[in-house]
C-alpha atoms as a PDB file:
ATOM      1  CA  MET A   1      36.861 -24.280 -57.823  1.00  0.00           C
ATOM      2  CA  ALA A   2      39.449 -23.367 -55.220  1.00  0.00           C
ATOM      3  CA  CYS A   3      42.763 -21.676 -54.663  1.00  0.00           C
ATOM      4  CA  LEU A   4      45.165 -20.252 -52.098  1.00  0.00           C
ATOM      5  CA  ASN A   5      45.443 -16.642 -51.019  1.00  0.00           C
ATOM      6  CA  ALA A   6      47.951 -14.782 -53.139  1.00  0.00           C
ATOM      7  CA  THR A   7      46.409 -11.474 -54.065  1.00  0.00           C
ATOM      8  CA  ALA A   8      47.562 -10.408 -57.514  1.00  0.00           C
ATOM      9  CA  THR A   9      46.543  -6.741 -57.127  1.00  0.00           C
ATOM     10  CA  PRO A  10      47.171  -4.187 -54.349  1.00  0.00           C
ATOM     11  CA  MET A  11      43.436  -3.827 -53.737  1.00  0.00           C
ATOM     12  CA  LYS A  12      41.805  -6.657 -51.824  1.00  0.00           C
ATOM     13  CA  PRO A  13      38.894  -8.136 -53.826  1.00  0.00           C
ATOM     14  CA  ARG A  14      35.420  -7.623 -52.430  1.00  0.00           C
ATOM     15  CA  LEU A  15      32.325  -9.772 -52.475  1.00  0.00           C
ATOM     16  CA  LEU A  16      29.927  -9.052 -55.319  1.00  0.00           C
ATOM     17  CA  PRO A  17      26.150  -8.700 -55.188  1.00  0.00           C
ATOM     18  CA  GLU A  18      24.427 -12.057 -55.544  1.00  0.00           C
ATOM     19  CA  ARG A  19      23.495 -12.959 -59.110  1.00  0.00           C
ATOM     20  CA  PRO A  20      20.365 -14.803 -60.295  1.00  0.00           C
ATOM     21  CA  HIS A  21      20.486 -18.556 -59.729  1.00  0.00           C
ATOM     22  CA  VAL A  22      20.367 -20.659 -62.900  1.00  0.00           C
ATOM     23  CA  GLY A  23      19.080 -23.522 -60.753  1.00  0.00           C
ATOM     24  CA  PRO A  24      18.833 -24.704 -57.149  1.00  0.00           C
ATOM     25  CA  LEU A  25      22.069 -25.206 -55.212  1.00  0.00           C
ATOM     26  CA  LYS A  26      22.585 -28.822 -54.198  1.00  0.00           C
ATOM     27  CA  SER A  27      23.170 -29.652 -50.545  1.00  0.00           C
ATOM     28  CA  ILE A  28      26.376 -31.280 -49.396  1.00  0.00           C
ATOM     29  CA  ASP A  29      24.517 -34.464 -48.442  1.00  0.00           C
ATOM     30  CA  THR A  30      23.978 -35.186 -52.153  1.00  0.00           C
ATOM     31  CA  ALA A  31      27.702 -36.071 -52.364  1.00  0.00           C
ATOM     32  CA  ARG A  32      30.193 -38.232 -50.486  1.00  0.00           C
ATOM     33  CA  THR A  33      32.914 -36.083 -48.953  1.00  0.00           C
ATOM     34  CA  THR A  34      36.019 -36.534 -46.816  1.00  0.00           C
ATOM     35  CA  GLN A  35      38.335 -34.089 -45.054  1.00  0.00           C
ATOM     36  CA  THR A  36      41.595 -35.322 -43.542  1.00  0.00           C
ATOM     37  CA  ARG A  37      45.020 -34.161 -42.370  1.00  0.00           C
ATOM     38  CA  THR A  38      48.040 -36.209 -43.372  1.00  0.00           C
ATOM     39  CA  PRO A  39      50.751 -36.935 -40.786  1.00  0.00           C
ATOM     40  CA  HIS A  40      52.811 -34.311 -42.629  1.00  0.00           C
ATOM     41  CA  GLY A  41      50.116 -31.678 -42.028  1.00  0.00           C
ATOM     42  CA  GLN A  42      48.676 -31.461 -45.548  1.00  0.00           C
ATOM     43  CA  ILE A  43      44.907 -30.900 -45.848  1.00  0.00           C
ATOM     44  CA  VAL A  44      43.212 -33.365 -48.224  1.00  0.00           C
ATOM     45  CA  LEU A  45      39.581 -33.004 -49.333  1.00  0.00           C
ATOM     46  CA  THR A  46      37.633 -35.357 -51.608  1.00  0.00           C
ATOM     47  CA  ILE A  47      34.171 -35.298 -53.157  1.00  0.00           C
ATOM     48  CA  GLU A  48      32.288 -37.924 -55.099  1.00  0.00           C
ATOM     49  CA  HIS A  49      29.452 -35.937 -56.645  1.00  0.00           C
ATOM     50  CA  GLU A  50      26.158 -37.475 -57.640  1.00  0.00           C
ATOM     51  CA  THR A  51      25.645 -37.914 -61.386  1.00  0.00           C
ATOM     52  CA  ILE A  52      25.508 -34.609 -63.268  1.00  0.00           C
ATOM     53  CA  LYS A  53      22.364 -35.236 -65.280  1.00  0.00           C
ATOM     54  CA  GLY A  54      22.326 -34.392 -68.985  1.00  0.00           C
ATOM     55  CA  VAL A  55      26.036 -33.539 -69.068  1.00  0.00           C
ATOM     56  CA  THR A  56      28.931 -35.312 -70.818  1.00  0.00           C
ATOM     57  CA  PRO A  57      32.723 -35.178 -70.293  1.00  0.00           C
ATOM     58  CA  PRO A  58      33.258 -33.232 -73.561  1.00  0.00           C
ATOM     59  CA  MET A  59      30.795 -30.615 -72.298  1.00  0.00           C
ATOM     60  CA  LEU A  60      32.786 -30.246 -69.065  1.00  0.00           C
ATOM     61  CA  GLN A  61      36.065 -29.875 -70.966  1.00  0.00           C
ATOM     62  CA  TRP A  62      34.439 -27.253 -73.182  1.00  0.00           C
ATOM     63  CA  TRP A  63      33.175 -25.341 -70.129  1.00  0.00           C
ATOM     64  CA  PHE A  64      36.624 -24.953 -68.609  1.00  0.00           C
ATOM     65  CA  GLU A  65      38.138 -23.996 -71.969  1.00  0.00           C
ATOM     66  CA  HIS A  66      35.510 -21.243 -72.359  1.00  0.00           C
ATOM     67  CA  ILE A  67      34.983 -20.288 -68.726  1.00  0.00           C
ATOM     68  CA  GLY A  68      36.005 -16.696 -69.439  1.00  0.00           C
ATOM     69  CA  ASP A  69      33.183 -16.079 -71.916  1.00  0.00           C
ATOM     70  CA  THR A  70      29.751 -14.587 -71.251  1.00  0.00           C
ATOM     71  CA  MET A  71      26.241 -16.019 -71.410  1.00  0.00           C
ATOM     72  CA  GLU A  72      22.678 -14.732 -71.428  1.00  0.00           C
ATOM     73  CA  HIS A  73      20.397 -15.329 -68.460  1.00  0.00           C
ATOM     74  CA  GLN A  74      17.030 -13.683 -67.850  1.00  0.00           C
ATOM     75  CA  GLY A  75      17.698 -11.236 -70.658  1.00  0.00           C
ATOM     76  CA  LYS A  76      21.052 -10.051 -69.300  1.00  0.00           C
ATOM     77  CA  SER A  77      24.650 -10.922 -70.181  1.00  0.00           C
ATOM     78  CA  TYR A  78      26.877 -12.267 -67.392  1.00  0.00           C
ATOM     79  CA  PRO A  79      30.405 -13.632 -67.177  1.00  0.00           C
ATOM     80  CA  ARG A  80      29.915 -17.398 -67.057  1.00  0.00           C
ATOM     81  CA  TYR A  81      32.136 -17.679 -63.993  1.00  0.00           C
ATOM     82  CA  LEU A  82      29.832 -15.404 -61.996  1.00  0.00           C
ATOM     83  CA  LEU A  83      26.762 -17.507 -62.765  1.00  0.00           C
ATOM     84  CA  TRP A  84      28.603 -20.758 -62.024  1.00  0.00           C
ATOM     85  CA  HIS A  85      28.323 -19.826 -58.346  1.00  0.00           C
ATOM     86  CA  PRO A  86      25.942 -16.883 -57.849  1.00  0.00           C
ATOM     87  CA  ARG A  87      27.230 -15.927 -54.389  1.00  0.00           C
ATOM     88  CA  ASP A  88      30.806 -17.110 -53.949  1.00  0.00           C
ATOM     89  CA  HIS A  89      32.493 -16.319 -57.268  1.00  0.00           C
ATOM     90  CA  ILE A  90      34.144 -12.920 -57.640  1.00  0.00           C
ATOM     91  CA  HIS A  91      36.544 -12.959 -60.607  1.00  0.00           C
ATOM     92  CA  TRP A  92      38.192 -15.232 -63.157  1.00  0.00           C
ATOM     93  CA  ALA A  93      40.958 -14.207 -65.552  1.00  0.00           C
ATOM     94  CA  LEU A  94      43.322 -15.880 -67.975  1.00  0.00           C
ATOM     95  CA  ALA A  95      46.618 -15.051 -66.287  1.00  0.00           C
ATOM     96  CA  ARG A  96      48.635 -16.726 -69.044  1.00  0.00           C
ATOM     97  CA  PRO A  97      47.332 -18.292 -72.256  1.00  0.00           C
ATOM     98  CA  SER A  98      48.044 -21.893 -73.103  1.00  0.00           C
ATOM     99  CA  PRO A  99      50.759 -22.582 -75.693  1.00  0.00           C
ATOM    100  CA  LEU A 100      47.810 -24.049 -77.620  1.00  0.00           C
ATOM    101  CA  GLY A 101      45.941 -20.758 -77.249  1.00  0.00           C
ATOM    102  CA  GLY A 102      43.310 -19.582 -74.792  1.00  0.00           C
ATOM    103  CA  ALA A 103      42.223 -21.331 -71.608  1.00  0.00           C
ATOM    104  CA  ARG A 104      43.424 -24.803 -72.518  1.00  0.00           C
ATOM    105  CA  GLN A 105      45.948 -27.176 -70.979  1.00  0.00           C
ATOM    106  CA  GLY A 106      49.141 -25.273 -70.198  1.00  0.00           C
ATOM    107  CA  ALA A 107      47.379 -21.998 -69.346  1.00  0.00           C
ATOM    108  CA  SER A 108      47.305 -20.273 -65.956  1.00  0.00           C
ATOM    109  CA  PHE A 109      44.020 -19.197 -64.367  1.00  0.00           C
ATOM    110  CA  ARG A 110      43.500 -16.449 -61.815  1.00  0.00           C
ATOM    111  CA  ILE A 111      40.605 -17.404 -59.537  1.00  0.00           C
ATOM    112  CA  VAL A 112      38.996 -15.180 -56.895  1.00  0.00           C
ATOM    113  CA  GLU A 113      36.189 -16.526 -54.716  1.00  0.00           C
ATOM    114  CA  ALA A 114      34.944 -16.601 -51.139  1.00  0.00           C
ATOM    115  CA  PHE A 115      33.547 -19.896 -49.861  1.00  0.00           C
ATOM    116  CA  GLY A 116      30.117 -19.438 -48.336  1.00  0.00           C
ATOM    117  CA  ALA A 117      30.308 -15.766 -49.400  1.00  0.00           C
ATOM    118  CA  ASN A 118      32.401 -15.322 -46.250  1.00  0.00           C
ATOM    119  CA  PRO A 119      35.124 -12.639 -46.516  1.00  0.00           C
ATOM    120  CA  ALA A 120      37.209 -14.649 -44.044  1.00  0.00           C
ATOM    121  CA  TYR A 121      37.321 -17.452 -46.613  1.00  0.00           C
ATOM    122  CA  LEU A 122      38.327 -15.291 -49.570  1.00  0.00           C
ATOM    123  CA  VAL A 123      40.993 -16.746 -51.838  1.00  0.00           C
ATOM    124  CA  ASP A 124      42.828 -15.119 -54.737  1.00  0.00           C
ATOM    125  CA  SER A 125      45.425 -17.141 -56.582  1.00  0.00           C
ATOM    126  CA  VAL A 126      46.954 -18.059 -59.924  1.00  0.00           C
ATOM    127  CA  GLU A 127      47.159 -21.754 -60.804  1.00  0.00           C
ATOM    128  CA  TYR A 128      48.725 -23.652 -63.670  1.00  0.00           C
ATOM    129  CA  VAL A 129      46.417 -25.882 -65.727  1.00  0.00           C
ATOM    130  CA  GLU A 130      48.436 -29.081 -65.728  1.00  0.00           C
ATOM    131  CA  LYS A 131      45.680 -31.137 -67.374  1.00  0.00           C
ATOM    132  CA  LEU A 132      42.496 -30.282 -69.251  1.00  0.00           C
ATOM    133  CA  ASP A 133      40.788 -32.828 -71.466  1.00  0.00           C
ATOM    134  CA  GLU A 134      37.734 -35.082 -71.512  1.00  0.00           C
ATOM    135  CA  GLU A 135      39.084 -36.991 -68.498  1.00  0.00           C
ATOM    136  CA  GLY A 136      39.244 -33.932 -66.255  1.00  0.00           C
ATOM    137  CA  ILE A 137      41.151 -30.860 -65.123  1.00  0.00           C
ATOM    138  CA  SER A 138      44.124 -30.450 -62.759  1.00  0.00           C
ATOM    139  CA  LEU A 139      45.162 -27.102 -61.265  1.00  0.00           C
ATOM    140  CA  VAL A 140      48.541 -26.774 -59.548  1.00  0.00           C
ATOM    141  CA  ARG A 141      50.419 -24.060 -57.690  1.00  0.00           C
ATOM    142  CA  ARG A 142      54.104 -24.199 -56.755  1.00  0.00           C
ATOM    143  CA  GLU A 143      56.099 -21.864 -54.555  1.00  0.00           C
ATOM    144  CA  LEU A 144      59.847 -22.019 -53.780  1.00  0.00           C
ATOM    145  CA  GLY A 145      60.109 -25.247 -55.732  1.00  0.00           C
ATOM    146  CA  MET A 146      57.369 -26.932 -53.688  1.00  0.00           C
ATOM    147  CA  GLU A 147      53.893 -27.945 -54.806  1.00  0.00           C
ATOM    148  CA  ILE A 148      51.604 -26.321 -52.255  1.00  0.00           C
ATOM    149  CA  PHE A 149      48.252 -26.824 -53.955  1.00  0.00           C
ATOM    150  CA  ARG A 150      46.678 -29.409 -56.252  1.00  0.00           C
ATOM    151  CA  LEU A 151      43.046 -29.635 -57.326  1.00  0.00           C
ATOM    152  CA  GLU A 152      41.947 -32.504 -59.536  1.00  0.00           C
ATOM    153  CA  HIS A 153      38.485 -33.032 -61.023  1.00  0.00           C
ATOM    154  CA  ARG A 154      37.923 -36.270 -62.929  1.00  0.00           C
ATOM    155  CA  PHE A 155      35.032 -36.809 -65.347  1.00  0.00           C
ATOM    156  CA  GLY A 156      33.415 -39.999 -66.626  1.00  0.00           C
ATOM    157  CA  GLN A 157      30.471 -41.018 -68.769  1.00  0.00           C
ATOM    158  CA  VAL A 158      27.733 -42.838 -66.842  1.00  0.00           C
ATOM    159  CA  PRO A 159      24.065 -43.611 -67.583  1.00  0.00           C
ATOM    160  CA  GLY A 160      22.100 -40.372 -67.595  1.00  0.00           C
ATOM    161  CA  GLY A 161      25.035 -38.004 -67.406  1.00  0.00           C
ATOM    162  CA  ALA A 162      28.582 -37.544 -66.144  1.00  0.00           C
ATOM    163  CA  SER A 163      30.412 -38.698 -63.047  1.00  0.00           C
ATOM    164  CA  TYR A 164      32.544 -36.076 -61.302  1.00  0.00           C
ATOM    165  CA  ARG A 165      35.164 -36.794 -58.623  1.00  0.00           C
ATOM    166  CA  SER A 166      37.196 -34.068 -56.923  1.00  0.00           C
ATOM    167  CA  ARG A 167      40.358 -34.142 -54.823  1.00  0.00           C
ATOM    168  CA  MET A 168      42.071 -31.096 -53.369  1.00  0.00           C
ATOM    169  CA  ALA A 169      45.373 -31.208 -51.480  1.00  0.00           C
ATOM    170  CA  VAL A 170      46.541 -28.022 -49.752  1.00  0.00           C
ATOM    171  CA  GLY A 171      50.013 -27.894 -48.296  1.00  0.00           C
ATOM    172  CA  VAL A 172      53.193 -29.821 -49.089  1.00  0.00           C
ATOM    173  CA  ALA A 173      53.106 -33.597 -49.233  1.00  0.00           C
ATOM    174  CA  SER A 174      56.615 -34.434 -47.973  1.00  0.00           C
ATOM    175  CA  GLY A 175      60.061 -33.193 -46.940  1.00  0.00           C
ATOM    176  CA  TRP A 176      61.334 -31.201 -43.996  1.00  0.00           C
ATOM    177  CA  ALA A 177      60.637 -27.894 -45.769  1.00  0.00           C
ATOM    178  CA  GLY A 178      57.122 -29.087 -46.463  1.00  0.00           C
ATOM    179  CA  ARG A 179      56.559 -29.930 -42.820  1.00  0.00           C
ATOM    180  CA  TRP A 180      57.752 -26.429 -41.912  1.00  0.00           C
ATOM    181  CA  PHE A 181      55.430 -24.873 -44.509  1.00  0.00           C
ATOM    182  CA  ASN A 182      52.405 -26.861 -43.312  1.00  0.00           C
ATOM    183  CA  ARG A 183      53.010 -25.936 -39.692  1.00  0.00           C
ATOM    184  CA  LEU A 184      53.908 -22.242 -40.005  1.00  0.00           C
ATOM    185  CA  VAL A 185      52.621 -20.896 -43.328  1.00  0.00           C
ATOM    186  CA  LEU A 186      49.585 -22.991 -44.257  1.00  0.00           C
ATOM    187  CA  PRO A 187      47.442 -21.824 -41.286  1.00  0.00           C
ATOM    188  CA  ARG A 188      47.695 -18.268 -42.652  1.00  0.00           C
ATOM    189  CA  LEU A 189      46.572 -19.353 -46.133  1.00  0.00           C
ATOM    190  CA  PHE A 190      44.029 -22.124 -45.733  1.00  0.00           C
ATOM    191  CA  THR A 191      42.376 -23.555 -42.615  1.00  0.00           C
ATOM    192  CA  ASP A 192      40.338 -26.644 -41.798  1.00  0.00           C
ATOM    193  CA  ALA A 193      37.254 -24.408 -41.559  1.00  0.00           C
ATOM    194  CA  MET A 194      37.919 -23.124 -45.074  1.00  0.00           C
ATOM    195  CA  GLY A 195      38.235 -26.713 -46.238  1.00  0.00           C
ATOM    196  CA  ALA A 196      34.815 -27.568 -44.847  1.00  0.00           C
ATOM    197  CA  ALA A 197      33.345 -24.484 -46.539  1.00  0.00           C
ATOM    198  CA  TRP A 198      35.001 -25.467 -49.842  1.00  0.00           C
ATOM    199  CA  LEU A 199      33.321 -28.882 -49.773  1.00  0.00           C
ATOM    200  CA  THR A 200      29.899 -27.216 -49.706  1.00  0.00           C
ATOM    201  CA  HIS A 201      30.974 -24.624 -52.281  1.00  0.00           C
ATOM    202  CA  ASN A 202      32.165 -27.235 -54.758  1.00  0.00           C
ATOM    203  CA  VAL A 203      29.063 -29.410 -54.400  1.00  0.00           C
ATOM    204  CA  GLU A 204      26.976 -26.316 -55.148  1.00  0.00           C
ATOM    205  CA  GLU A 205      28.908 -25.178 -58.221  1.00  0.00           C
ATOM    206  CA  VAL A 206      29.265 -28.646 -59.743  1.00  0.00           C
ATOM    207  CA  GLY A 207      25.553 -29.245 -59.222  1.00  0.00           C
ATOM    208  CA  LEU A 208      24.755 -26.169 -61.310  1.00  0.00           C
ATOM    209  CA  PHE A 209      26.323 -27.777 -64.384  1.00  0.00           C
ATOM    210  CA  GLU A 210      22.984 -29.579 -64.823  1.00  0.00           C
ATOM    211  CA  HIS A 211      21.359 -26.196 -65.431  1.00  0.00           C
ATOM    212  CA  LEU A 212      24.221 -24.373 -67.173  1.00  0.00           C
ATOM    213  CA  LEU A 213      25.520 -26.816 -69.746  1.00  0.00           C
ATOM    214  CA  PRO A 214      22.577 -28.647 -71.395  1.00  0.00           C
ATOM    215  CA  PRO A 215      21.052 -25.421 -72.797  1.00  0.00           C
ATOM    216  CA  LEU A 216      24.332 -23.555 -73.353  1.00  0.00           C
ATOM    217  CA  TYR A 217      26.535 -26.163 -75.035  1.00  0.00           C
ATOM    218  CA  PRO A 218      24.203 -27.113 -77.940  1.00  0.00           C
ATOM    219  CA  ALA A 219      23.356 -23.460 -78.584  1.00  0.00           C
ATOM    220  CA  VAL A 220      27.020 -22.531 -78.899  1.00  0.00           C
ATOM    221  CA  GLN A 221      27.793 -25.561 -81.049  1.00  0.00           C
ATOM    222  CA  MET A 222      25.012 -24.502 -83.424  1.00  0.00           C
ATOM    223  CA  GLY A 223      26.344 -20.932 -83.548  1.00  0.00           C
ATOM    224  CA  ALA A 224      23.375 -19.455 -81.705  1.00  0.00           C
ATOM    225  CA  GLY A 225      25.445 -16.647 -80.177  1.00  0.00           C
ATOM    226  CA  ALA A 226      25.396 -17.843 -76.567  1.00  0.00           C
ATOM    227  CA  GLY A 227      28.614 -16.052 -75.743  1.00  0.00           C
ATOM    228  CA  ALA A 228      31.395 -18.183 -77.257  1.00  0.00           C
END
């Protein structure tokens, strides 16, 4: 996933020891990516992932709605978020439950991660879940009445699995205040180098859905005690 620096605790989060890999991490050349700057100074990143084999849109919706649960791997219980990226992920928390209950649409997620396991690229933020259904998930953060962050993942059913398209916009899209924010504040929160590292990070974590979801989702649906 991704977020902007906004540490929610006085203590700065630290990198965690690397966890076991549930599968190989895909390389960035398995996806089509773009990284651009708008004339207003906003950073825009896009990814068209290769087909996630053996996965369906309902499985992806279910994952995000149960991302805070645990799962068994190699005889040990782990938070699912920490296995989703075995190096970069540090912490996930439900900052505010959805009006529908739990981690559904309308909730707020706290996300802590460091792209490329690089402390210089550590982010810690709380984002509002604007959308979460079988079509995808949208995470948004607003400050001072301005939208400064938007991450959208869109799912689709295709032969052999699921399509997955991602778009992240960091910074403010328009307005004089937005131009000021992008020029003076954004460089302290999120850089072009962090954007490039996020592209690799997201290709890696999305690629692991092929190894996480096909065994986990049916087991949970059948009540096999896989952590939900």
